[in-house]
Protein backbone atom coordinates (compact mmCIF):
# COMPACT_ATOMS: atom_id res chain seq x y z
CA MET A 1 64.53 87.86 91.87
CA THR A 2 64.70 91.24 93.61
CA LEU A 3 64.84 89.53 96.99
CA ALA A 4 67.51 87.12 95.74
CA LEU A 5 69.70 90.02 94.56
CA LEU A 6 69.24 91.83 97.87
CA VAL A 7 70.17 88.72 99.86
CA ALA A 8 73.21 88.09 97.64
CA TYR A 9 74.41 91.67 98.13
CA LEU A 10 73.95 91.50 101.90
CA LEU A 11 75.69 88.12 102.14
CA ILE A 12 78.69 89.38 100.17
CA GLY A 13 78.84 92.50 102.33
CA ALA A 14 78.54 90.44 105.52
CA ALA A 15 81.36 88.16 104.35
CA GLY A 16 83.58 91.20 103.83
CA TRP A 17 82.74 92.62 107.25
CA LEU A 18 83.42 89.22 108.86
CA LEU A 19 86.83 89.04 107.21
CA GLY A 20 87.58 92.56 108.41
CA TRP A 21 86.64 91.57 111.96
CA LEU A 22 88.85 88.48 111.78
CA ASN A 23 91.72 90.61 110.50
CA LEU A 24 91.46 93.08 113.38
CA ARG A 25 91.13 90.32 115.98
CA HIS A 26 94.22 88.62 114.55
CA LEU A 27 96.11 91.91 114.69
CA ARG A 28 95.15 92.57 118.33
CA HIS A 29 96.29 89.08 119.28
CA ASN A 30 99.70 89.46 117.61
CA ALA A 31 100.23 93.21 117.90
CA GLY A 32 103.14 92.89 120.34
CA LEU A 33 105.13 90.33 118.31
CA VAL A 34 108.11 91.54 116.28
CA PRO A 35 108.00 89.61 112.96
CA GLU A 36 110.96 87.69 111.64
CA GLY A 37 113.27 89.98 109.69
CA PHE A 38 112.12 93.10 111.54
CA GLU A 39 114.24 92.64 114.65
CA GLY A 40 116.03 95.82 115.61
CA GLU A 41 113.83 97.94 113.34
CA LEU A 42 110.68 97.99 115.47
CA ASP A 43 110.09 98.72 119.11
CA SER A 44 107.00 98.17 121.23
CA GLU A 45 105.85 101.77 120.76
CA THR A 46 106.00 101.54 116.97
CA LEU A 47 104.19 98.19 116.99
CA ALA A 48 101.45 99.66 119.19
CA ARG A 49 101.09 102.71 116.90
CA SER A 50 100.96 100.46 113.84
CA ALA A 51 98.19 98.34 115.36
CA ALA A 52 96.22 101.40 116.48
CA TYR A 53 96.58 103.03 113.05
CA THR A 54 95.38 99.90 111.25
CA ILE A 55 92.45 99.45 113.63
CA GLU A 56 91.35 103.07 113.30
CA ASN A 57 91.55 102.97 109.50
CA ASN A 58 89.61 99.73 109.35
CA ARG A 59 86.90 101.13 111.61
CA LEU A 60 86.55 104.13 109.36
CA ASP A 61 86.44 101.86 106.31
CA LEU A 62 83.68 99.85 107.98
CA ILE A 63 81.61 102.95 108.73
CA GLU A 64 82.11 104.22 105.19
CA SER A 65 81.12 100.82 103.81
CA LEU A 66 77.98 100.74 105.95
CA ALA A 67 77.03 104.24 104.83
CA GLY A 68 77.55 103.27 101.20
CA THR A 69 75.48 100.14 101.71
CA VAL A 70 72.56 102.10 103.17
CA VAL A 71 72.62 104.62 100.31
CA LEU A 72 72.85 101.86 97.70
CA LEU A 73 69.99 99.87 99.23
CA LEU A 74 67.76 102.94 99.32
CA PHE A 75 68.67 103.88 95.78
CA LEU A 76 68.30 100.48 94.15
CA PHE A 77 65.84 98.64 96.37
CA GLY A 78 64.00 101.56 97.97
CA GLY A 79 62.61 103.01 94.76
CA LEU A 80 64.90 106.04 94.51
CA LEU A 81 66.38 104.89 91.18
CA GLU A 82 62.94 104.98 89.57
CA ILE A 83 62.26 108.44 91.02
CA TYR A 84 65.66 109.71 89.92
CA ASP A 85 65.14 108.23 86.44
CA ARG A 86 61.85 110.11 86.03
CA TRP A 87 63.39 113.33 87.35
CA THR A 88 66.29 113.30 84.91
CA ALA A 89 63.80 112.59 82.09
CA SER A 90 62.19 115.95 82.86
CA LEU A 91 65.52 117.80 82.47
CA SER A 92 65.98 117.23 78.76
CA GLY A 93 64.47 115.45 75.82
CA SER A 94 67.88 114.83 74.27
CA PHE A 95 69.10 111.25 74.64
CA VAL A 96 72.71 112.37 74.87
CA LEU A 97 72.25 115.41 77.12
CA ARG A 98 69.97 113.54 79.49
CA GLY A 99 72.54 110.78 79.82
CA VAL A 100 75.30 113.26 80.61
CA LEU A 101 73.13 114.91 83.29
CA PHE A 102 72.11 111.51 84.67
CA PHE A 103 75.68 110.42 85.34
CA LEU A 104 76.99 113.85 86.34
CA CYS A 105 74.38 114.15 89.09
CA LEU A 106 75.20 110.66 90.34
CA SER A 107 78.86 111.64 90.43
CA PHE A 108 78.08 114.75 92.48
CA VAL A 109 76.09 112.67 94.97
CA GLN A 110 78.95 110.18 95.34
CA THR A 111 81.45 113.00 95.85
CA THR A 112 79.22 114.59 98.48
CA ILE A 113 78.99 111.31 100.38
CA ASP A 114 82.77 110.87 100.22
CA ILE A 115 83.64 114.36 101.50
CA PRO A 116 83.10 113.83 105.25
CA PHE A 117 85.06 110.58 105.19
CA SER A 118 87.92 112.19 103.29
CA LEU A 119 88.03 115.08 105.76
CA TYR A 120 88.01 112.80 108.78
CA ARG A 121 90.60 110.45 107.31
CA ASN A 122 93.03 113.22 106.39
CA PHE A 123 92.62 115.69 109.24
CA ARG A 124 91.90 113.30 112.10
CA VAL A 125 93.28 109.81 111.43
CA GLU A 126 96.25 110.68 109.20
CA ALA A 127 97.05 113.78 111.24
CA ARG A 128 96.87 111.89 114.54
CA TYR A 129 99.58 109.50 113.37
CA GLY A 130 101.78 112.19 111.86
CA PHE A 131 101.13 111.46 108.18
CA ASN A 132 98.94 114.32 107.00
CA THR A 133 100.73 117.45 105.81
CA MET A 134 97.84 118.75 103.71
CA THR A 135 96.27 122.08 104.59
CA PRO A 136 92.47 122.56 104.36
CA ARG A 137 93.08 124.96 101.48
CA LEU A 138 95.10 122.38 99.55
CA TRP A 139 92.47 119.71 100.27
CA LEU A 140 89.75 122.00 98.89
CA THR A 141 91.85 122.89 95.85
CA ASP A 142 92.42 119.21 95.10
CA LEU A 143 88.70 118.55 95.46
CA LEU A 144 87.75 121.34 93.06
CA LYS A 145 90.34 120.23 90.50
CA SER A 146 89.13 116.64 90.75
CA LEU A 147 85.54 117.78 90.29
CA ALA A 148 86.46 119.83 87.23
CA ILE A 149 88.39 116.94 85.67
CA GLY A 150 85.57 114.55 86.50
CA ILE A 151 82.95 116.79 84.90
CA VAL A 152 84.98 117.11 81.71
CA LEU A 153 85.70 113.38 81.46
CA ILE A 154 82.15 112.28 82.28
CA ALA A 155 80.70 114.75 79.78
CA LEU A 156 83.07 113.76 76.98
CA LEU A 157 83.01 110.00 77.54
CA THR A 158 79.28 109.75 78.20
CA SER A 159 78.28 111.93 75.26
CA GLY A 160 80.67 110.10 72.93
CA ALA A 161 79.37 106.70 73.99
CA LEU A 162 75.71 107.70 73.71
CA VAL A 163 76.24 109.14 70.26
CA LEU A 164 77.60 105.75 69.21
CA VAL A 165 74.51 104.08 70.69
CA LEU A 166 72.30 106.33 68.56
CA LEU A 167 74.34 105.80 65.40
CA SER A 168 74.56 102.01 65.70
CA PRO A 169 71.66 100.53 67.70
CA TYR A 170 72.72 96.92 67.07
CA TRP A 171 76.50 97.20 67.22
CA TRP A 172 76.95 99.95 69.79
CA TRP A 173 78.42 97.49 72.30
CA LEU A 174 81.45 96.99 70.04
CA TRP A 175 81.94 100.66 69.13
CA VAL A 176 81.48 101.82 72.73
CA TRP A 177 84.05 99.30 73.90
CA GLY A 178 86.51 100.50 71.27
CA PHE A 179 85.82 104.12 72.17
CA PHE A 180 86.50 103.57 75.87
CA ALA A 181 89.59 101.45 75.15
CA ALA A 182 91.02 104.20 72.92
CA ALA A 183 90.14 106.85 75.50
CA SER A 184 91.90 104.87 78.24
CA LEU A 185 95.09 104.58 76.18
CA PHE A 186 94.93 108.27 75.30
CA LEU A 187 94.59 109.23 78.97
CA MET A 188 97.59 107.05 79.83
CA TYR A 189 99.62 109.14 77.40
CA LEU A 190 98.04 112.43 78.45
CA SER A 191 97.98 112.06 82.22
CA PRO A 192 101.73 112.49 82.94
CA TYR A 193 101.80 115.81 81.10
CA VAL A 194 98.35 117.30 81.71
CA ILE A 195 96.55 115.76 84.70
CA GLU A 196 99.28 114.78 87.18
CA PRO A 197 101.01 118.22 87.10
CA LEU A 198 97.72 119.79 88.20
CA PHE A 199 98.19 118.16 91.59
CA HIS A 200 101.95 117.75 92.01
CA THR A 201 105.21 119.43 91.11
CA PHE A 202 107.64 117.19 89.28
CA GLU A 203 111.34 117.98 89.16
CA PRO A 204 114.37 116.05 87.93
CA VAL A 205 116.12 114.03 90.64
CA ASP A 206 118.65 116.55 91.94
CA ALA A 207 121.27 113.98 92.94
CA GLU A 208 123.28 113.43 89.76
CA ASP A 209 124.98 110.31 91.07
CA LEU A 210 121.60 108.75 91.94
CA GLU A 211 120.09 109.56 88.55
CA GLY A 212 123.17 108.13 86.87
CA GLU A 213 122.88 104.87 88.81
CA ILE A 214 119.16 104.70 88.05
CA ARG A 215 119.77 105.10 84.33
CA ALA A 216 122.55 102.51 84.46
CA LEU A 217 120.16 100.08 86.14
CA LEU A 218 117.50 100.75 83.50
CA GLN A 219 120.02 100.35 80.69
CA LYS A 220 121.02 96.99 82.15
CA ALA A 221 117.36 95.99 82.02
CA GLY A 222 117.05 97.24 78.44
CA LEU A 223 114.45 99.83 79.43
CA GLU A 224 114.33 103.44 78.32
CA VAL A 225 112.38 106.10 80.19
CA SER A 226 112.00 109.73 79.24
CA ARG A 227 112.67 111.16 82.70
CA VAL A 228 113.48 110.25 86.30
CA LEU A 229 111.51 112.65 88.48
CA ARG A 230 111.05 113.66 92.10
CA VAL A 231 107.49 114.51 93.17
CA ASP A 232 106.54 116.76 96.08
CA ALA A 233 104.40 114.12 97.81
CA SER A 234 105.34 115.54 101.21
CA ARG A 235 102.98 118.48 100.60
CA ARG A 236 100.11 116.08 101.24
CA SER A 237 101.43 113.11 103.20
CA ARG A 238 104.53 111.60 104.78
CA HIS A 239 103.79 108.22 103.22
CA SER A 240 106.42 107.10 100.71
CA ASN A 241 106.25 105.34 97.36
CA ALA A 242 107.67 105.09 93.83
CA TYR A 243 105.95 104.29 90.56
CA PHE A 244 106.10 104.16 86.77
CA THR A 245 103.70 106.35 84.82
CA GLY A 246 102.80 106.66 81.17
CA ILE A 247 103.34 104.24 78.30
CA GLY A 248 105.40 104.13 75.14
CA ARG A 249 107.79 107.05 74.81
CA VAL A 250 106.30 108.92 77.75
CA LYS A 251 107.31 106.36 80.39
CA ARG A 252 108.60 108.11 83.48
CA ILE A 253 109.90 107.00 86.87
CA VAL A 254 108.50 109.03 89.73
CA LEU A 255 110.06 108.95 93.20
CA PHE A 256 108.31 110.42 96.22
CA ASP A 257 110.51 112.98 97.97
CA THR A 258 109.70 111.15 101.21
CA LEU A 259 111.14 107.95 99.72
CA LEU A 260 114.36 109.72 98.71
CA GLU A 261 114.76 111.03 102.24
CA ARG A 262 114.33 107.68 104.00
CA LEU A 263 116.05 105.13 101.78
CA ASP A 264 119.69 104.92 100.83
CA THR A 265 120.87 104.58 97.23
CA ARG A 266 121.00 100.77 97.22
CA GLU A 267 117.47 100.53 98.61
CA ILE A 268 116.11 103.03 96.08
CA LEU A 269 117.70 101.07 93.25
CA ALA A 270 116.26 97.82 94.59
CA VAL A 271 112.75 99.31 94.78
CA LEU A 272 113.08 100.59 91.21
CA ALA A 273 114.34 97.18 90.06
CA HIS A 274 111.09 95.74 91.41
CA GLU A 275 109.06 98.31 89.44
CA VAL A 276 111.12 97.55 86.34
CA GLY A 277 110.25 93.91 86.87
CA HIS A 278 106.58 94.70 86.40
CA TRP A 279 107.35 96.34 83.09
CA LYS A 280 109.76 93.71 81.80
CA ARG A 281 107.46 90.86 82.77
CA ARG A 282 104.68 92.74 80.97
CA HIS A 283 102.36 92.69 83.95
CA LEU A 284 100.81 96.02 82.95
CA LEU A 285 100.17 94.75 79.42
CA LYS A 286 98.68 91.50 80.69
CA ARG A 287 96.35 93.35 83.05
CA LEU A 288 95.36 95.71 80.26
CA VAL A 289 94.55 92.82 77.91
CA VAL A 290 92.52 91.00 80.57
CA SER A 291 90.63 94.12 81.60
CA GLU A 292 89.82 95.04 77.99
CA ALA A 293 88.68 91.51 77.23
CA ALA A 294 86.44 91.62 80.30
CA ALA A 295 85.17 95.04 79.25
CA LEU A 296 84.27 93.73 75.79
CA LEU A 297 82.40 90.83 77.34
CA CYS A 298 80.54 93.20 79.66
CA CYS A 299 79.58 95.50 76.78
CA TYR A 300 78.16 92.59 74.81
CA ALA A 301 76.33 91.24 77.87
CA ALA A 302 74.90 94.71 78.46
CA PHE A 303 73.57 94.83 74.91
CA ARG A 304 71.96 91.40 75.16
CA LEU A 305 70.41 91.97 78.58
CA MET A 306 69.07 95.41 77.70
CA ASP A 307 67.70 94.14 74.41
CA ALA A 308 65.91 91.32 76.24
CA GLY A 309 64.33 93.77 78.70
CA VAL A 310 65.16 91.63 81.74
CA LEU A 311 66.92 94.27 83.83
CA PRO A 312 64.11 96.51 85.20
CA PRO A 313 62.14 93.57 86.70
CA LEU A 314 65.23 92.58 88.69
CA LEU A 315 64.58 95.60 90.92
CA GLY A 316 60.80 95.48 90.67
CA MET A 317 60.62 98.22 88.03
CA GLU A 318 58.19 98.08 85.13
CA SER A 319 60.52 100.05 82.88
CA ALA A 320 63.81 101.90 83.07
CA SER A 321 65.75 104.23 80.81
CA PHE A 322 68.91 103.20 79.04
CA TYR A 323 70.95 104.95 81.74
CA ALA A 324 69.05 103.38 84.65
CA GLN A 325 69.62 99.96 83.12
CA LEU A 326 73.34 100.73 83.01
CA VAL A 327 73.18 101.41 86.76
CA ILE A 328 71.50 98.04 87.31
CA LEU A 329 74.18 96.40 85.19
CA GLY A 330 76.86 98.13 87.25
CA PHE A 331 75.33 96.68 90.40
CA LEU A 332 75.29 93.17 88.93
CA LEU A 333 78.89 93.62 87.82
CA SER A 334 79.92 94.67 91.33
CA LEU A 335 78.43 91.45 92.71
CA ALA A 336 80.33 89.38 90.18
CA SER A 337 83.59 91.25 90.74
CA SER A 338 83.29 90.72 94.49
CA LEU A 339 83.20 86.98 93.91
CA LEU A 340 86.24 87.23 91.62
CA THR A 341 88.27 89.35 94.06
CA PRO A 342 90.22 86.38 95.54
CA ILE A 343 91.30 85.30 92.04
CA ALA A 344 92.37 88.81 91.06
CA SER A 345 94.27 89.18 94.33
CA PHE A 346 96.03 85.85 93.83
CA LEU A 347 97.16 86.78 90.31
CA SER A 348 98.34 90.18 91.51
CA ARG A 349 100.41 88.58 94.28
CA ARG A 350 101.99 86.28 91.70
CA HIS A 351 103.00 89.33 89.67
CA GLU A 352 104.55 90.90 92.76
CA GLN A 353 106.54 87.76 93.44
CA GLU A 354 107.76 87.72 89.84
CA ALA A 355 108.78 91.38 90.14
CA ASP A 356 110.70 90.60 93.34
CA ARG A 357 112.56 87.77 91.59
CA PHE A 358 113.36 90.04 88.65
CA ALA A 359 114.64 92.71 91.04
CA ILE A 360 117.01 90.18 92.61
CA GLU A 361 118.32 89.13 89.19
CA LEU A 362 118.70 92.70 87.95
CA SER A 363 120.16 94.43 90.99
CA GLY A 364 121.71 91.52 92.85
CA MET A 365 120.63 93.22 96.08
CA PRO A 366 117.89 91.18 97.77
CA ASP A 367 119.05 92.49 101.13
CA ALA A 368 118.53 96.08 99.98
CA LEU A 369 115.00 95.33 98.76
CA ALA A 370 114.24 93.59 102.04
CA SER A 371 115.54 96.50 104.11
CA SER A 372 113.57 98.99 101.99
CA LEU A 373 110.38 97.03 102.65
CA VAL A 374 111.13 96.95 106.36
CA LYS A 375 111.70 100.72 106.46
CA MET A 376 108.62 101.56 104.41
CA SER A 377 106.46 99.22 106.51
CA ARG A 378 107.79 100.78 109.70
CA ASP A 379 107.44 104.37 108.49
CA ASN A 380 103.97 103.79 107.00
CA LEU A 381 102.76 101.89 110.09
CA SER A 382 101.72 98.94 107.91
CA ASN A 383 99.83 95.98 109.33
CA LEU A 384 102.49 93.31 109.86
CA HIS A 385 100.04 90.69 111.13
CA PRO A 386 97.16 90.35 108.64
CA HIS A 387 94.85 87.38 108.99
CA PRO A 388 95.86 84.78 106.36
CA LEU A 389 92.32 84.50 104.99
CA TYR A 390 91.91 88.27 104.79
CA ALA A 391 95.23 88.57 102.97
CA ALA A 392 94.28 85.76 100.58
CA VAL A 393 91.08 87.53 99.60
CA TYR A 394 92.10 91.19 99.52
CA TYR A 395 95.88 91.61 99.41
CA SER A 396 97.26 92.56 96.00
CA HIS A 397 100.80 92.13 97.42
CA PRO A 398 102.08 89.22 99.48
CA PRO A 399 102.14 90.18 103.18
CA VAL A 400 105.32 92.16 103.72
CA VAL A 401 106.64 89.78 106.37
CA GLU A 402 106.52 86.93 103.82
CA ARG A 403 108.26 89.07 101.21
CA VAL A 404 111.03 90.06 103.60
CA ARG A 405 111.52 86.48 104.74
CA GLY A 406 111.84 85.29 101.15
CA LEU A 407 114.28 88.06 100.25
CA ARG A 408 116.45 87.40 103.30
CA LYS A 409 116.82 83.79 102.18
CA GLU A 410 118.22 85.03 98.86
CA SER A 411 120.83 87.26 100.57
């Protein structure tokens, strides 16, 4: 069974690398073609920069993926998990404290592995193409804040879950699921006021006419938000975006300052109408329900598999702690989720199409939404020629050329 798991993991990884290679080959072949709907907005220099940017990012992703694969293979199939499990057992005799240390140390290792890739991506790739505006000091500050938040969350969530395991040995799967579900909802409320301001400065949109038009658009949609804010995204990157954050009474619209600089009022309103579409069509709620249902199923499966004692032999181990078995379960879950990626991507693209249609109905400006997508694709050096198979498997949004073509037909 160990060999079968290893082969399955390598086959899934190889399939992903093959799709990535097909995507880059397709891009190189079509890099000089101006897509329909982008005429007059792109020149040969921009197309060349877009292709080079995509290729360089994909190469870095491939190297990072290979590095992660090597580490994972050594850890799971090279015996390091068993060694690590014994080492953490020597740190504490407390079931709860040992579990916290087990997952904190793993988190530190993952962060350490990620650091060189983050540095290279930000200060070489992003800087080379004019996107990075982050200083080394700001990068380090963000890293330390993220580490601190991660330590607090891992300690609280892990200790809380393990206490429930101790208190209810036969029903812990249900209580742990409920605990994590409640914690997720609490963080959705808390994040806009406590976590996000640690990294960004949020200010009210300073253009009164724009804020008035935004609120009029939201009122037309029957949606109330607490605030419409401008975020200082340009301190870190020149990429642009807009998003909703929070739930319930703490819903907020956040606009990147880079977006406000590049789009006109009609385009901004069209982008926001698309985001409103996600809310009104209850896409966030549907995803939350599906994810929580899947989480409940996973918790129950974890209980049954751990109770049956079938997990350690999967990796050739005679025994494994509760925490090591959770790692094995996480690996199995990653294999399953990889196989489900095309389905998740397809459903996500359907949601995006529904949000586009809602934006057209709400704003009546399909041309403005199309032009905003063209500008953001141009300014962000997006890949305008993804391989159809790669897009079908991995793209959470329809390829932007397809979206623009569909919107132009509605104009």
